[in-house]
Amino acid sequence: MENRKRLGKGELSSIAFAMSIRQAFITDDKKARKLSVDVGNTLTQTTPHLHSWLIFKNLLTDTDHGTVTSQHQSMGGTLGPHFNTAYDLALQYRYNMNRGVSLASTGSSSPPVSPTGLPPAQSNLDA
């Protein structure tokens, strides 16, 4: 209950709504992220997670990544290094996925390699 008092109504209602519709709760607020995980929302993600997914799915380009990062930093944001890590991981996962497809077409049994050995939601993207 103590943690809930430190968050605004917006964060609390967003966590509750995300859980009620079984969708991800995405935040760049550390306290909101911690509370979301503490109340059992397994779909808690950070803003760099979203950035990574958009890069991975080619919905953001390399140029977009640079724009997002520079605009974020120019507004005093501190997630720049996390956006860069997210970008690198997205490219690595995309490479591994494409490598897996080409290995499957050649009949090779070598699986794609994860850069961290963890799925994207468990990698070091936490801001």
N, C-alpha and C. Protein backbone atom coordinates (compact mmCIF):
# COMPACT_ATOMS: atom_id res chain seq x y z
N MET A 1 0.82 -1.19 0.00
CA MET A 1 0.00 0.00 0.00
C MET A 1 0.87 1.26 0.00
N GLU A 2 2.02 1.18 0.69
CA GLU A 2 2.92 2.33 0.76
C GLU A 2 3.36 2.77 -0.64
N ASN A 3 3.70 1.81 -1.51
CA ASN A 3 4.14 2.15 -2.87
C ASN A 3 3.04 2.81 -3.67
N ARG A 4 1.80 2.43 -3.45
CA ARG A 4 0.68 2.97 -4.21
C ARG A 4 0.49 4.45 -3.93
N LYS A 5 0.81 4.89 -2.72
CA LYS A 5 0.63 6.30 -2.36
C LYS A 5 1.63 7.19 -3.08
N ARG A 6 2.73 6.64 -3.52
CA ARG A 6 3.76 7.43 -4.18
C ARG A 6 3.50 7.60 -5.68
N LEU A 7 2.55 6.90 -6.22
CA LEU A 7 2.24 6.99 -7.64
C LEU A 7 0.99 7.83 -7.86
N GLY A 8 0.94 8.46 -9.02
CA GLY A 8 -0.25 9.22 -9.36
C GLY A 8 -1.39 8.31 -9.77
N LYS A 9 -2.58 8.90 -9.84
CA LYS A 9 -3.77 8.13 -10.23
C LYS A 9 -3.63 7.59 -11.65
N GLY A 10 -2.92 8.32 -12.50
CA GLY A 10 -2.74 7.87 -13.88
C GLY A 10 -2.00 6.56 -13.97
N GLU A 11 -0.89 6.45 -13.24
CA GLU A 11 -0.12 5.20 -13.25
C GLU A 11 -0.92 4.06 -12.65
N LEU A 12 -1.58 4.33 -11.52
CA LEU A 12 -2.37 3.28 -10.87
C LEU A 12 -3.50 2.78 -11.76
N SER A 13 -4.22 3.72 -12.37
CA SER A 13 -5.33 3.29 -13.23
C SER A 13 -4.82 2.61 -14.49
N SER A 14 -3.66 3.02 -14.99
CA SER A 14 -3.09 2.36 -16.17
C SER A 14 -2.69 0.92 -15.87
N ILE A 15 -2.10 0.70 -14.70
CA ILE A 15 -1.73 -0.66 -14.29
C ILE A 15 -2.98 -1.51 -14.17
N ALA A 16 -4.00 -0.98 -13.49
CA ALA A 16 -5.25 -1.73 -13.29
C ALA A 16 -5.92 -2.03 -14.62
N PHE A 17 -5.97 -1.04 -15.51
CA PHE A 17 -6.61 -1.24 -16.81
C PHE A 17 -5.85 -2.28 -17.64
N ALA A 18 -4.53 -2.17 -17.68
CA ALA A 18 -3.73 -3.13 -18.45
C ALA A 18 -3.96 -4.55 -17.94
N MET A 19 -4.01 -4.70 -16.64
CA MET A 19 -4.25 -6.04 -16.07
C MET A 19 -5.66 -6.53 -16.40
N SER A 20 -6.64 -5.63 -16.36
CA SER A 20 -8.03 -6.05 -16.59
C SER A 20 -8.26 -6.50 -18.02
N ILE A 21 -7.52 -5.94 -18.97
CA ILE A 21 -7.68 -6.35 -20.37
C ILE A 21 -6.55 -7.27 -20.83
N ARG A 22 -5.72 -7.68 -19.88
CA ARG A 22 -4.61 -8.60 -20.14
C ARG A 22 -3.69 -8.10 -21.26
N GLN A 23 -3.30 -6.84 -21.14
CA GLN A 23 -2.38 -6.23 -22.08
C GLN A 23 -1.16 -5.72 -21.33
N ALA A 24 -0.11 -5.45 -22.06
CA ALA A 24 1.13 -4.97 -21.44
C ALA A 24 0.94 -3.58 -20.85
N PHE A 25 1.61 -3.35 -19.74
CA PHE A 25 1.71 -2.03 -19.14
C PHE A 25 3.11 -1.53 -19.46
N ILE A 26 3.20 -0.43 -20.21
CA ILE A 26 4.48 0.10 -20.65
C ILE A 26 4.71 1.43 -19.94
N THR A 27 5.87 1.56 -19.31
CA THR A 27 6.17 2.77 -18.56
C THR A 27 7.67 3.03 -18.55
N ASP A 28 8.03 4.28 -18.30
CA ASP A 28 9.43 4.61 -18.06
C ASP A 28 9.62 5.05 -16.61
N ASP A 29 8.60 4.87 -15.79
CA ASP A 29 8.64 5.22 -14.37
C ASP A 29 9.03 3.99 -13.56
N LYS A 30 10.17 4.06 -12.88
CA LYS A 30 10.67 2.90 -12.13
C LYS A 30 9.72 2.44 -11.04
N LYS A 31 9.12 3.39 -10.33
CA LYS A 31 8.20 3.02 -9.24
C LYS A 31 6.95 2.35 -9.80
N ALA A 32 6.43 2.87 -10.90
CA ALA A 32 5.24 2.27 -11.51
C ALA A 32 5.56 0.87 -12.03
N ARG A 33 6.73 0.72 -12.63
CA ARG A 33 7.13 -0.60 -13.13
C ARG A 33 7.25 -1.60 -11.98
N LYS A 34 7.88 -1.18 -10.89
CA LYS A 34 8.04 -2.07 -9.74
C LYS A 34 6.70 -2.46 -9.15
N LEU A 35 5.80 -1.50 -8.99
CA LEU A 35 4.48 -1.81 -8.44
C LEU A 35 3.73 -2.76 -9.36
N SER A 36 3.80 -2.52 -10.66
CA SER A 36 3.11 -3.38 -11.62
C SER A 36 3.58 -4.82 -11.49
N VAL A 37 4.88 -5.01 -11.39
CA VAL A 37 5.44 -6.36 -11.23
C VAL A 37 5.02 -6.93 -9.87
N ASP A 38 5.08 -6.10 -8.83
CA ASP A 38 4.73 -6.56 -7.48
C ASP A 38 3.28 -7.03 -7.37
N VAL A 39 2.37 -6.41 -8.13
CA VAL A 39 0.97 -6.82 -8.06
C VAL A 39 0.66 -7.95 -9.03
N GLY A 40 1.69 -8.47 -9.67
CA GLY A 40 1.51 -9.67 -10.49
C GLY A 40 1.28 -9.44 -11.97
N ASN A 41 1.51 -8.23 -12.45
CA ASN A 41 1.36 -7.99 -13.88
C ASN A 41 2.62 -8.46 -14.59
N THR A 42 2.56 -9.63 -15.19
CA THR A 42 3.73 -10.22 -15.86
C THR A 42 4.00 -9.55 -17.20
N LEU A 43 3.10 -8.71 -17.66
CA LEU A 43 3.26 -8.03 -18.94
C LEU A 43 3.76 -6.60 -18.76
N THR A 44 4.60 -6.37 -17.78
CA THR A 44 5.15 -5.05 -17.52
C THR A 44 6.40 -4.85 -18.37
N GLN A 45 6.42 -3.76 -19.12
CA GLN A 45 7.55 -3.48 -20.00
C GLN A 45 7.96 -2.03 -19.88
N THR A 46 9.17 -1.75 -20.36
CA THR A 46 9.69 -0.39 -20.32
C THR A 46 9.57 0.26 -21.70
N THR A 47 9.77 1.56 -21.73
CA THR A 47 9.75 2.27 -23.00
C THR A 47 10.83 1.74 -23.95
N PRO A 48 12.05 1.43 -23.47
CA PRO A 48 13.03 0.82 -24.38
C PRO A 48 12.58 -0.54 -24.94
N HIS A 49 11.77 -1.30 -24.18
CA HIS A 49 11.21 -2.54 -24.73
C HIS A 49 10.37 -2.23 -25.97
N LEU A 50 9.51 -1.22 -25.86
CA LEU A 50 8.67 -0.83 -26.99
C LEU A 50 9.55 -0.38 -28.15
N HIS A 51 10.55 0.41 -27.87
CA HIS A 51 11.47 0.89 -28.90
C HIS A 51 12.13 -0.30 -29.62
N SER A 52 12.59 -1.26 -28.84
CA SER A 52 13.24 -2.44 -29.40
C SER A 52 12.28 -3.22 -30.30
N TRP A 53 11.05 -3.39 -29.85
CA TRP A 53 10.06 -4.13 -30.64
C TRP A 53 9.78 -3.42 -31.97
N LEU A 54 9.66 -2.10 -31.93
CA LEU A 54 9.39 -1.34 -33.15
C LEU A 54 10.55 -1.44 -34.13
N ILE A 55 11.78 -1.45 -33.63
CA ILE A 55 12.96 -1.64 -34.49
C ILE A 55 12.95 -3.06 -35.04
N PHE A 56 12.72 -4.04 -34.18
CA PHE A 56 12.72 -5.45 -34.58
C PHE A 56 11.71 -5.71 -35.70
N LYS A 57 10.54 -5.11 -35.60
CA LYS A 57 9.48 -5.32 -36.59
C LYS A 57 9.60 -4.38 -37.79
N ASN A 58 10.68 -3.62 -37.87
CA ASN A 58 10.91 -2.66 -38.95
C ASN A 58 9.86 -1.56 -39.02
N LEU A 59 9.25 -1.24 -37.89
CA LEU A 59 8.30 -0.14 -37.84
C LEU A 59 9.01 1.18 -37.55
N LEU A 60 10.24 1.08 -37.04
CA LEU A 60 11.14 2.22 -36.92
C LEU A 60 12.42 1.87 -37.67
N THR A 61 12.97 2.84 -38.37
CA THR A 61 14.20 2.63 -39.13
C THR A 61 15.41 3.05 -38.30
N ASP A 62 16.59 2.84 -38.88
CA ASP A 62 17.82 3.30 -38.23
C ASP A 62 17.78 4.82 -38.03
N THR A 63 17.28 5.53 -39.02
CA THR A 63 17.16 6.98 -38.92
C THR A 63 16.19 7.37 -37.81
N ASP A 64 15.06 6.65 -37.73
CA ASP A 64 14.09 6.92 -36.66
C ASP A 64 14.73 6.72 -35.29
N HIS A 65 15.53 5.68 -35.16
CA HIS A 65 16.21 5.42 -33.88
C HIS A 65 17.07 6.62 -33.49
N GLY A 66 17.84 7.12 -34.43
CA GLY A 66 18.67 8.28 -34.15
C GLY A 66 17.85 9.50 -33.76
N THR A 67 16.73 9.69 -34.44
CA THR A 67 15.85 10.82 -34.14
C THR A 67 15.24 10.69 -32.75
N VAL A 68 14.74 9.50 -32.43
CA VAL A 68 14.14 9.26 -31.11
C VAL A 68 15.17 9.52 -30.02
N THR A 69 16.35 8.97 -30.19
CA THR A 69 17.39 9.11 -29.17
C THR A 69 17.81 10.56 -29.00
N SER A 70 18.05 11.26 -30.09
CA SER A 70 18.51 12.65 -29.98
C SER A 70 17.42 13.56 -29.42
N GLN A 71 16.17 13.36 -29.85
CA GLN A 71 15.08 14.18 -29.30
C GLN A 71 14.88 13.90 -27.81
N HIS A 72 14.97 12.65 -27.44
CA HIS A 72 14.81 12.28 -26.03
C HIS A 72 15.89 12.96 -25.18
N GLN A 73 17.13 12.89 -25.64
CA GLN A 73 18.23 13.49 -24.89
C GLN A 73 18.13 15.01 -24.87
N SER A 74 17.67 15.62 -25.97
CA SER A 74 17.55 17.08 -26.01
C SER A 74 16.48 17.59 -25.05
N MET A 75 15.54 16.73 -24.68
CA MET A 75 14.50 17.11 -23.72
C MET A 75 14.89 16.72 -22.29
N GLY A 76 16.15 16.34 -22.10
CA GLY A 76 16.64 16.01 -20.76
C GLY A 76 16.37 14.59 -20.33
N GLY A 77 15.98 13.73 -21.26
CA GLY A 77 15.71 12.33 -20.93
C GLY A 77 16.98 11.57 -20.62
N THR A 78 16.82 10.51 -19.85
CA THR A 78 17.98 9.72 -19.43
C THR A 78 17.96 8.31 -20.00
N LEU A 79 17.04 8.03 -20.92
CA LEU A 79 16.92 6.67 -21.44
C LEU A 79 17.77 6.42 -22.69
N GLY A 80 18.54 7.41 -23.12
CA GLY A 80 19.35 7.26 -24.33
C GLY A 80 20.18 5.99 -24.38
N PRO A 81 20.96 5.69 -23.34
CA PRO A 81 21.74 4.45 -23.36
C PRO A 81 20.86 3.20 -23.44
N HIS A 82 19.69 3.26 -22.82
CA HIS A 82 18.78 2.11 -22.86
C HIS A 82 18.16 1.96 -24.25
N PHE A 83 17.87 3.09 -24.92
CA PHE A 83 17.39 3.02 -26.29
C PHE A 83 18.46 2.40 -27.19
N ASN A 84 19.72 2.75 -26.96
CA ASN A 84 20.80 2.19 -27.77
C ASN A 84 20.97 0.69 -27.52
N THR A 85 20.86 0.27 -26.27
CA THR A 85 20.92 -1.16 -25.96
C THR A 85 19.75 -1.88 -26.61
N ALA A 86 18.57 -1.29 -26.52
CA ALA A 86 17.37 -1.87 -27.12
C ALA A 86 17.54 -2.00 -28.63
N TYR A 87 18.10 -0.99 -29.25
CA TYR A 87 18.35 -0.99 -30.69
C TYR A 87 19.31 -2.12 -31.07
N ASP A 88 20.42 -2.22 -30.34
CA ASP A 88 21.40 -3.27 -30.62
C ASP A 88 20.79 -4.66 -30.47
N LEU A 89 20.01 -4.86 -29.41
CA LEU A 89 19.37 -6.16 -29.19
C LEU A 89 18.36 -6.49 -30.29
N ALA A 90 17.60 -5.49 -30.71
CA ALA A 90 16.61 -5.72 -31.77
C ALA A 90 17.30 -6.15 -33.06
N LEU A 91 18.39 -5.49 -33.39
CA LEU A 91 19.13 -5.87 -34.60
C LEU A 91 19.71 -7.27 -34.47
N GLN A 92 20.22 -7.61 -33.28
CA GLN A 92 20.78 -8.94 -33.06
C GLN A 92 19.70 -10.01 -33.17
N TYR A 93 18.55 -9.77 -32.56
CA TYR A 93 17.45 -10.74 -32.65
C TYR A 93 16.96 -10.88 -34.08
N ARG A 94 16.87 -9.76 -34.80
CA ARG A 94 16.43 -9.83 -36.20
C ARG A 94 17.44 -10.63 -37.02
N TYR A 95 18.73 -10.39 -36.78
CA TYR A 95 19.78 -11.15 -37.47
C TYR A 95 19.65 -12.64 -37.16
N ASN A 96 19.48 -12.96 -35.87
CA ASN A 96 19.35 -14.36 -35.47
C ASN A 96 18.13 -15.01 -36.09
N MET A 97 17.03 -14.26 -36.15
CA MET A 97 15.82 -14.80 -36.76
C MET A 97 16.06 -15.09 -38.24
N ASN A 98 16.66 -14.15 -38.94
CA ASN A 98 16.95 -14.35 -40.36
C ASN A 98 17.96 -15.47 -40.56
N ARG A 99 18.92 -15.57 -39.67
CA ARG A 99 19.91 -16.65 -39.73
C ARG A 99 19.22 -18.00 -39.55
N GLY A 100 18.27 -18.05 -38.62
CA GLY A 100 17.52 -19.28 -38.39
C GLY A 100 16.72 -19.69 -39.60
N VAL A 101 16.13 -18.72 -40.29
CA VAL A 101 15.37 -19.01 -41.50
C VAL A 101 16.30 -19.54 -42.58
N SER A 102 17.46 -18.90 -42.76
CA SER A 102 18.37 -19.36 -43.80
C SER A 102 18.99 -20.70 -43.43
N LEU A 103 19.23 -20.96 -42.13
CA LEU A 103 19.74 -22.26 -41.72
C LEU A 103 18.71 -23.35 -41.97
N ALA A 104 17.44 -23.03 -41.72
CA ALA A 104 16.38 -24.01 -41.95
C ALA A 104 16.28 -24.35 -43.43
N SER A 105 16.46 -23.35 -44.29
CA SER A 105 16.35 -23.61 -45.72
C SER A 105 17.55 -24.39 -46.25
N THR A 106 18.69 -24.34 -45.53
CA THR A 106 19.86 -25.10 -45.97
C THR A 106 19.96 -26.45 -45.29
N GLY A 107 19.08 -26.69 -44.32
CA GLY A 107 19.09 -27.97 -43.62
C GLY A 107 20.06 -28.04 -42.47
N SER A 108 20.67 -26.92 -42.09
CA SER A 108 21.60 -26.91 -40.96
C SER A 108 20.84 -27.03 -39.65
N SER A 109 21.48 -27.64 -38.67
CA SER A 109 20.81 -27.81 -37.38
C SER A 109 21.28 -26.81 -36.33
N SER A 110 22.14 -25.86 -36.70
CA SER A 110 22.61 -24.86 -35.73
C SER A 110 21.51 -23.85 -35.46
N PRO A 111 21.07 -23.74 -34.21
CA PRO A 111 20.00 -22.79 -33.90
C PRO A 111 20.52 -21.36 -33.85
N PRO A 112 19.63 -20.39 -34.02
CA PRO A 112 20.04 -19.00 -33.84
C PRO A 112 20.51 -18.77 -32.41
N VAL A 113 21.44 -17.87 -32.23
CA VAL A 113 22.01 -17.61 -30.92
C VAL A 113 21.47 -16.29 -30.38
N SER A 114 21.00 -16.31 -29.15
CA SER A 114 20.54 -15.09 -28.50
C SER A 114 21.75 -14.36 -27.94
N PRO A 115 21.82 -13.02 -28.09
CA PRO A 115 22.98 -12.30 -27.57
C PRO A 115 23.09 -12.36 -26.05
N THR A 116 21.97 -12.49 -25.36
CA THR A 116 22.01 -12.51 -23.90
C THR A 116 21.60 -13.85 -23.33
N GLY A 117 21.03 -14.71 -24.16
CA GLY A 117 20.51 -15.97 -23.68
C GLY A 117 19.15 -15.83 -23.03
N LEU A 118 18.60 -14.61 -23.05
CA LEU A 118 17.31 -14.34 -22.43
C LEU A 118 16.34 -13.81 -23.47
N PRO A 119 15.05 -14.05 -23.28
CA PRO A 119 14.08 -13.41 -24.17
C PRO A 119 14.14 -11.90 -24.01
N PRO A 120 13.66 -11.12 -25.00
CA PRO A 120 13.78 -9.67 -24.95
C PRO A 120 13.23 -9.04 -23.67
N ALA A 121 12.13 -9.53 -23.12
CA ALA A 121 11.54 -8.91 -21.93
C ALA A 121 12.41 -9.10 -20.70
N GLN A 122 13.35 -10.06 -20.73
CA GLN A 122 14.20 -10.30 -19.57
C GLN A 122 15.62 -9.79 -19.78
N SER A 123 15.87 -9.16 -20.89
CA SER A 123 17.22 -8.66 -21.14
C SER A 123 17.43 -7.37 -20.37
N ASN A 124 18.56 -6.75 -20.56
CA ASN A 124 18.93 -5.58 -19.78
C ASN A 124 18.35 -4.30 -20.38
N LEU A 125 17.04 -4.25 -20.58
CA LEU A 125 16.41 -3.05 -21.12
C LEU A 125 15.72 -2.24 -20.04
N ASP A 126 15.84 -2.66 -18.81
CA ASP A 126 15.14 -1.97 -17.74
C ASP A 126 15.80 -0.62 -17.49
N ALA A 127 14.97 0.38 -17.54
CA ALA A 127 15.48 1.74 -17.34
C ALA A 127 15.49 2.10 -15.88
